[in-house]
Amino acid sequence: MIVSLKVLIIEDSVSLRRSLKIGLTNLSFTVDDTGDGAEGVSMALTGDYSLLILDLMLPSVDGTSILKTIRKAQKDIRVLILSAKDLTVDKVEGLLCGADDYLTKPSINRN
């Protein structure tokens, strides 16, 4: 029996969210996604996900608040922060709030 891991993506960039979903689905992951923080925290708390890919700057509820809520609820989910916030202090805060890893989005320089 093959078990597909469930992934939740909470990312407000439609193009990035779509790309992540396509890539992970092609790798046989089951993927749910949303661009709204309030909907995302609800999905994370009620769903059975193995991984959450979480942006920090979201509409309605920010990613840090989502992460703190998930950890307080003791949900067994790995959290990967994927954020444009690239300062060391941001990374440290994310990890101290309970993220398992923190990746910064690549910046696009258009000169």
N, C-alpha and C. Protein backbone atom coordinates (compact mmCIF):
# COMPACT_ATOMS: atom_id res chain seq x y z
N MET A 1 0.83 -1.17 0.00
CA MET A 1 0.00 0.00 0.00
C MET A 1 0.89 1.25 0.00
N ILE A 2 0.67 2.12 -0.95
CA ILE A 2 1.42 3.37 -1.05
C ILE A 2 0.61 4.46 -0.38
N VAL A 3 1.25 5.16 0.56
CA VAL A 3 0.59 6.25 1.27
C VAL A 3 1.14 7.57 0.73
N SER A 4 0.24 8.42 0.27
CA SER A 4 0.64 9.73 -0.21
C SER A 4 0.67 10.70 0.96
N LEU A 5 1.76 11.41 1.09
CA LEU A 5 1.86 12.41 2.15
C LEU A 5 1.04 13.63 1.79
N LYS A 6 0.35 14.18 2.78
CA LYS A 6 -0.47 15.37 2.56
C LYS A 6 0.31 16.63 2.92
N VAL A 7 0.26 17.58 2.03
CA VAL A 7 0.96 18.85 2.20
C VAL A 7 -0.06 19.98 2.14
N LEU A 8 0.10 20.94 3.03
CA LEU A 8 -0.70 22.16 3.00
C LEU A 8 0.23 23.32 2.67
N ILE A 9 -0.16 24.10 1.67
CA ILE A 9 0.59 25.29 1.29
C ILE A 9 -0.26 26.51 1.64
N ILE A 10 0.29 27.38 2.48
CA ILE A 10 -0.37 28.65 2.79
C ILE A 10 0.54 29.75 2.26
N GLU A 11 0.18 30.28 1.11
CA GLU A 11 1.00 31.23 0.37
C GLU A 11 0.08 32.15 -0.41
N ASP A 12 0.26 33.47 -0.27
CA ASP A 12 -0.65 34.39 -0.95
C ASP A 12 -0.28 34.69 -2.39
N SER A 13 0.91 34.34 -2.82
CA SER A 13 1.29 34.51 -4.23
C SER A 13 0.68 33.37 -5.04
N VAL A 14 -0.26 33.73 -5.90
CA VAL A 14 -0.97 32.71 -6.68
C VAL A 14 0.00 31.91 -7.55
N SER A 15 0.93 32.59 -8.22
CA SER A 15 1.85 31.89 -9.12
C SER A 15 2.78 30.96 -8.36
N LEU A 16 3.31 31.40 -7.23
CA LEU A 16 4.19 30.53 -6.45
C LEU A 16 3.41 29.36 -5.87
N ARG A 17 2.22 29.62 -5.36
CA ARG A 17 1.40 28.56 -4.79
C ARG A 17 1.07 27.52 -5.86
N ARG A 18 0.71 27.96 -7.04
CA ARG A 18 0.39 27.06 -8.15
C ARG A 18 1.61 26.23 -8.54
N SER A 19 2.78 26.86 -8.63
CA SER A 19 4.01 26.14 -9.00
C SER A 19 4.36 25.08 -7.97
N LEU A 20 4.28 25.45 -6.69
CA LEU A 20 4.56 24.47 -5.64
C LEU A 20 3.58 23.31 -5.69
N LYS A 21 2.32 23.62 -5.89
CA LYS A 21 1.29 22.57 -5.93
C LYS A 21 1.53 21.62 -7.11
N ILE A 22 1.82 22.16 -8.27
CA ILE A 22 2.07 21.32 -9.44
C ILE A 22 3.29 20.43 -9.21
N GLY A 23 4.38 21.04 -8.73
CA GLY A 23 5.60 20.27 -8.50
C GLY A 23 5.41 19.15 -7.49
N LEU A 24 4.76 19.46 -6.37
CA LEU A 24 4.56 18.45 -5.33
C LEU A 24 3.56 17.37 -5.77
N THR A 25 2.53 17.77 -6.51
CA THR A 25 1.57 16.80 -7.02
C THR A 25 2.25 15.85 -8.00
N ASN A 26 3.14 16.38 -8.84
CA ASN A 26 3.89 15.54 -9.76
C ASN A 26 4.82 14.56 -9.05
N LEU A 27 5.15 14.86 -7.82
CA LEU A 27 5.98 13.96 -7.00
C LEU A 27 5.11 13.04 -6.14
N SER A 28 3.82 13.01 -6.43
CA SER A 28 2.84 12.11 -5.78
C SER A 28 2.42 12.55 -4.39
N PHE A 29 2.61 13.82 -4.05
CA PHE A 29 2.07 14.34 -2.80
C PHE A 29 0.62 14.74 -3.02
N THR A 30 -0.19 14.64 -1.99
CA THR A 30 -1.54 15.19 -2.01
C THR A 30 -1.42 16.60 -1.45
N VAL A 31 -1.89 17.60 -2.19
CA VAL A 31 -1.64 18.99 -1.83
C VAL A 31 -2.96 19.77 -1.72
N ASP A 32 -3.13 20.44 -0.59
CA ASP A 32 -4.19 21.43 -0.40
C ASP A 32 -3.50 22.78 -0.31
N ASP A 33 -4.20 23.83 -0.70
CA ASP A 33 -3.55 25.14 -0.65
C ASP A 33 -4.58 26.25 -0.43
N THR A 34 -4.07 27.35 0.09
CA THR A 34 -4.87 28.56 0.26
C THR A 34 -3.93 29.76 0.28
N GLY A 35 -4.51 30.92 -0.04
CA GLY A 35 -3.75 32.16 0.00
C GLY A 35 -4.14 33.05 1.16
N ASP A 36 -5.02 32.54 2.02
CA ASP A 36 -5.54 33.33 3.13
C ASP A 36 -5.13 32.73 4.47
N GLY A 37 -4.62 33.56 5.36
CA GLY A 37 -4.14 33.09 6.66
C GLY A 37 -5.22 32.47 7.53
N ALA A 38 -6.40 33.09 7.59
CA ALA A 38 -7.48 32.56 8.43
C ALA A 38 -7.94 31.19 7.94
N GLU A 39 -8.10 31.07 6.64
CA GLU A 39 -8.48 29.77 6.08
C GLU A 39 -7.37 28.75 6.30
N GLY A 40 -6.14 29.19 6.16
CA GLY A 40 -4.99 28.30 6.33
C GLY A 40 -4.87 27.74 7.73
N VAL A 41 -5.05 28.58 8.74
CA VAL A 41 -4.94 28.07 10.12
C VAL A 41 -6.07 27.09 10.40
N SER A 42 -7.25 27.35 9.87
CA SER A 42 -8.37 26.42 10.04
C SER A 42 -8.06 25.07 9.38
N MET A 43 -7.53 25.11 8.17
CA MET A 43 -7.17 23.88 7.47
C MET A 43 -6.10 23.11 8.22
N ALA A 44 -5.08 23.84 8.71
CA ALA A 44 -3.98 23.19 9.42
C ALA A 44 -4.44 22.51 10.70
N LEU A 45 -5.38 23.15 11.40
CA LEU A 45 -5.85 22.60 12.67
C LEU A 45 -6.82 21.43 12.49
N THR A 46 -7.54 21.40 11.39
CA THR A 46 -8.54 20.35 11.20
C THR A 46 -8.08 19.24 10.26
N GLY A 47 -7.07 19.51 9.45
CA GLY A 47 -6.59 18.51 8.50
C GLY A 47 -5.51 17.63 9.08
N ASP A 48 -5.19 16.59 8.34
CA ASP A 48 -4.15 15.65 8.74
C ASP A 48 -2.98 15.77 7.76
N TYR A 49 -2.14 16.76 7.98
CA TYR A 49 -1.04 17.07 7.07
C TYR A 49 0.29 16.62 7.65
N SER A 50 1.18 16.18 6.75
CA SER A 50 2.54 15.82 7.15
C SER A 50 3.47 17.03 7.08
N LEU A 51 3.15 17.96 6.19
CA LEU A 51 4.01 19.12 5.96
C LEU A 51 3.17 20.35 5.69
N LEU A 52 3.59 21.46 6.25
CA LEU A 52 3.00 22.77 5.98
C LEU A 52 4.10 23.66 5.41
N ILE A 53 3.85 24.19 4.22
CA ILE A 53 4.74 25.20 3.64
C ILE A 53 4.05 26.53 3.89
N LEU A 54 4.71 27.38 4.67
CA LEU A 54 4.06 28.55 5.24
C LEU A 54 4.78 29.85 4.90
N ASP A 55 4.04 30.76 4.28
CA ASP A 55 4.52 32.12 4.07
C ASP A 55 4.27 32.90 5.36
N LEU A 56 5.02 33.95 5.60
CA LEU A 56 4.83 34.74 6.82
C LEU A 56 3.91 35.94 6.61
N MET A 57 4.00 36.56 5.44
CA MET A 57 3.21 37.77 5.18
C MET A 57 1.95 37.37 4.40
N LEU A 58 0.87 37.18 5.15
CA LEU A 58 -0.39 36.69 4.60
C LEU A 58 -1.53 37.63 4.95
N PRO A 59 -2.60 37.63 4.14
CA PRO A 59 -3.78 38.39 4.52
C PRO A 59 -4.54 37.73 5.67
N SER A 60 -5.14 38.50 6.49
CA SER A 60 -6.02 38.16 7.62
C SER A 60 -5.30 37.61 8.85
N VAL A 61 -4.43 36.62 8.71
CA VAL A 61 -3.65 36.10 9.84
C VAL A 61 -2.23 35.86 9.33
N ASP A 62 -1.24 36.43 10.02
CA ASP A 62 0.14 36.28 9.56
C ASP A 62 0.68 34.89 9.86
N GLY A 63 1.72 34.51 9.14
CA GLY A 63 2.31 33.18 9.27
C GLY A 63 2.85 32.86 10.65
N THR A 64 3.43 33.84 11.33
CA THR A 64 3.96 33.60 12.67
C THR A 64 2.83 33.24 13.63
N SER A 65 1.72 33.92 13.53
CA SER A 65 0.56 33.60 14.37
C SER A 65 0.02 32.21 14.06
N ILE A 66 -0.01 31.85 12.79
CA ILE A 66 -0.45 30.51 12.39
C ILE A 66 0.47 29.46 13.01
N LEU A 67 1.76 29.68 12.90
CA LEU A 67 2.74 28.73 13.45
C LEU A 67 2.57 28.58 14.96
N LYS A 68 2.43 29.68 15.66
CA LYS A 68 2.25 29.61 17.12
C LYS A 68 0.97 28.87 17.48
N THR A 69 -0.10 29.10 16.73
CA THR A 69 -1.37 28.42 16.99
C THR A 69 -1.24 26.91 16.77
N ILE A 70 -0.58 26.52 15.71
CA ILE A 70 -0.39 25.10 15.41
C ILE A 70 0.44 24.42 16.49
N ARG A 71 1.50 25.08 16.91
CA ARG A 71 2.37 24.49 17.95
C ARG A 71 1.64 24.43 19.29
N LYS A 72 0.86 25.45 19.61
CA LYS A 72 0.11 25.44 20.86
C LYS A 72 -0.92 24.31 20.86
N ALA A 73 -1.48 24.01 19.70
CA ALA A 73 -2.46 22.92 19.58
C ALA A 73 -1.78 21.55 19.51
N GLN A 74 -0.46 21.54 19.51
CA GLN A 74 0.35 20.32 19.47
C GLN A 74 0.06 19.45 18.26
N LYS A 75 -0.18 20.10 17.11
CA LYS A 75 -0.37 19.37 15.86
C LYS A 75 0.97 18.77 15.43
N ASP A 76 0.95 17.50 15.05
CA ASP A 76 2.16 16.82 14.60
C ASP A 76 2.32 17.07 13.10
N ILE A 77 2.91 18.21 12.78
CA ILE A 77 3.11 18.61 11.40
C ILE A 77 4.46 19.31 11.28
N ARG A 78 5.19 18.96 10.26
CA ARG A 78 6.46 19.63 9.98
C ARG A 78 6.14 20.94 9.28
N VAL A 79 6.85 22.00 9.67
CA VAL A 79 6.57 23.33 9.10
C VAL A 79 7.83 23.88 8.45
N LEU A 80 7.70 24.22 7.18
CA LEU A 80 8.75 24.87 6.42
C LEU A 80 8.27 26.27 6.11
N ILE A 81 8.96 27.26 6.68
CA ILE A 81 8.64 28.65 6.35
C ILE A 81 9.33 28.97 5.03
N LEU A 82 8.56 29.55 4.11
CA LEU A 82 9.08 30.00 2.83
C LEU A 82 8.68 31.47 2.72
N SER A 83 9.65 32.36 2.93
CA SER A 83 9.32 33.77 3.09
C SER A 83 10.30 34.68 2.37
N ALA A 84 9.81 35.85 2.00
CA ALA A 84 10.67 36.89 1.44
C ALA A 84 11.46 37.59 2.55
N LYS A 85 11.04 37.40 3.80
CA LYS A 85 11.75 38.02 4.93
C LYS A 85 13.07 37.27 5.10
N ASP A 86 14.17 37.95 4.77
CA ASP A 86 15.45 37.27 4.71
C ASP A 86 16.48 37.70 5.76
N LEU A 87 16.05 38.49 6.73
CA LEU A 87 16.98 38.90 7.78
C LEU A 87 17.21 37.75 8.76
N THR A 88 18.38 37.71 9.35
CA THR A 88 18.70 36.67 10.31
C THR A 88 17.71 36.67 11.47
N VAL A 89 17.31 37.84 11.93
CA VAL A 89 16.36 37.94 13.03
C VAL A 89 15.02 37.29 12.67
N ASP A 90 14.60 37.41 11.41
CA ASP A 90 13.36 36.77 10.95
C ASP A 90 13.49 35.25 10.99
N LYS A 91 14.62 34.76 10.53
CA LYS A 91 14.86 33.32 10.51
C LYS A 91 14.90 32.76 11.93
N VAL A 92 15.60 33.44 12.82
CA VAL A 92 15.69 33.00 14.21
C VAL A 92 14.30 32.99 14.86
N GLU A 93 13.53 34.05 14.63
CA GLU A 93 12.18 34.11 15.20
C GLU A 93 11.32 32.95 14.69
N GLY A 94 11.38 32.69 13.39
CA GLY A 94 10.60 31.60 12.82
C GLY A 94 10.97 30.25 13.43
N LEU A 95 12.24 30.01 13.59
CA LEU A 95 12.68 28.74 14.17
C LEU A 95 12.32 28.65 15.65
N LEU A 96 12.46 29.76 16.38
CA LEU A 96 12.10 29.76 17.79
C LEU A 96 10.59 29.59 18.00
N CYS A 97 9.79 30.00 17.02
CA CYS A 97 8.34 29.84 17.12
C CYS A 97 7.90 28.41 16.79
N GLY A 98 8.84 27.59 16.30
CA GLY A 98 8.51 26.19 16.08
C GLY A 98 8.64 25.68 14.65
N ALA A 99 9.15 26.49 13.75
CA ALA A 99 9.36 25.99 12.38
C ALA A 99 10.47 24.95 12.37
N ASP A 100 10.35 23.99 11.48
CA ASP A 100 11.39 22.97 11.34
C ASP A 100 12.51 23.43 10.42
N ASP A 101 12.19 24.34 9.52
CA ASP A 101 13.21 24.91 8.64
C ASP A 101 12.69 26.23 8.10
N TYR A 102 13.59 27.03 7.55
CA TYR A 102 13.24 28.37 7.06
C TYR A 102 14.02 28.59 5.77
N LEU A 103 13.30 28.82 4.70
CA LEU A 103 13.93 29.13 3.42
C LEU A 103 13.45 30.49 2.96
N THR A 104 14.36 31.26 2.37
CA THR A 104 13.96 32.56 1.83
C THR A 104 13.65 32.39 0.34
N LYS A 105 12.66 33.16 -0.08
CA LYS A 105 12.30 33.16 -1.49
C LYS A 105 13.41 33.86 -2.26
N PRO A 106 13.72 33.38 -3.45
CA PRO A 106 14.75 34.07 -4.23
C PRO A 106 14.26 35.45 -4.64
N SER A 107 15.16 36.41 -4.60
CA SER A 107 14.79 37.75 -5.05
C SER A 107 15.04 37.84 -6.55
N ILE A 108 14.19 38.59 -7.20
CA ILE A 108 14.33 38.77 -8.64
C ILE A 108 14.73 40.21 -8.89
N ASN A 109 15.95 40.38 -9.39
CA ASN A 109 16.43 41.72 -9.70
C ASN A 109 16.14 42.01 -11.16
N ARG A 110 15.37 43.05 -11.38
CA ARG A 110 15.04 43.45 -12.76
C ARG A 110 15.66 44.80 -13.03
N ASN A 111 16.86 44.77 -13.57
CA ASN A 111 17.58 46.02 -13.86
C ASN A 111 17.33 46.49 -15.26
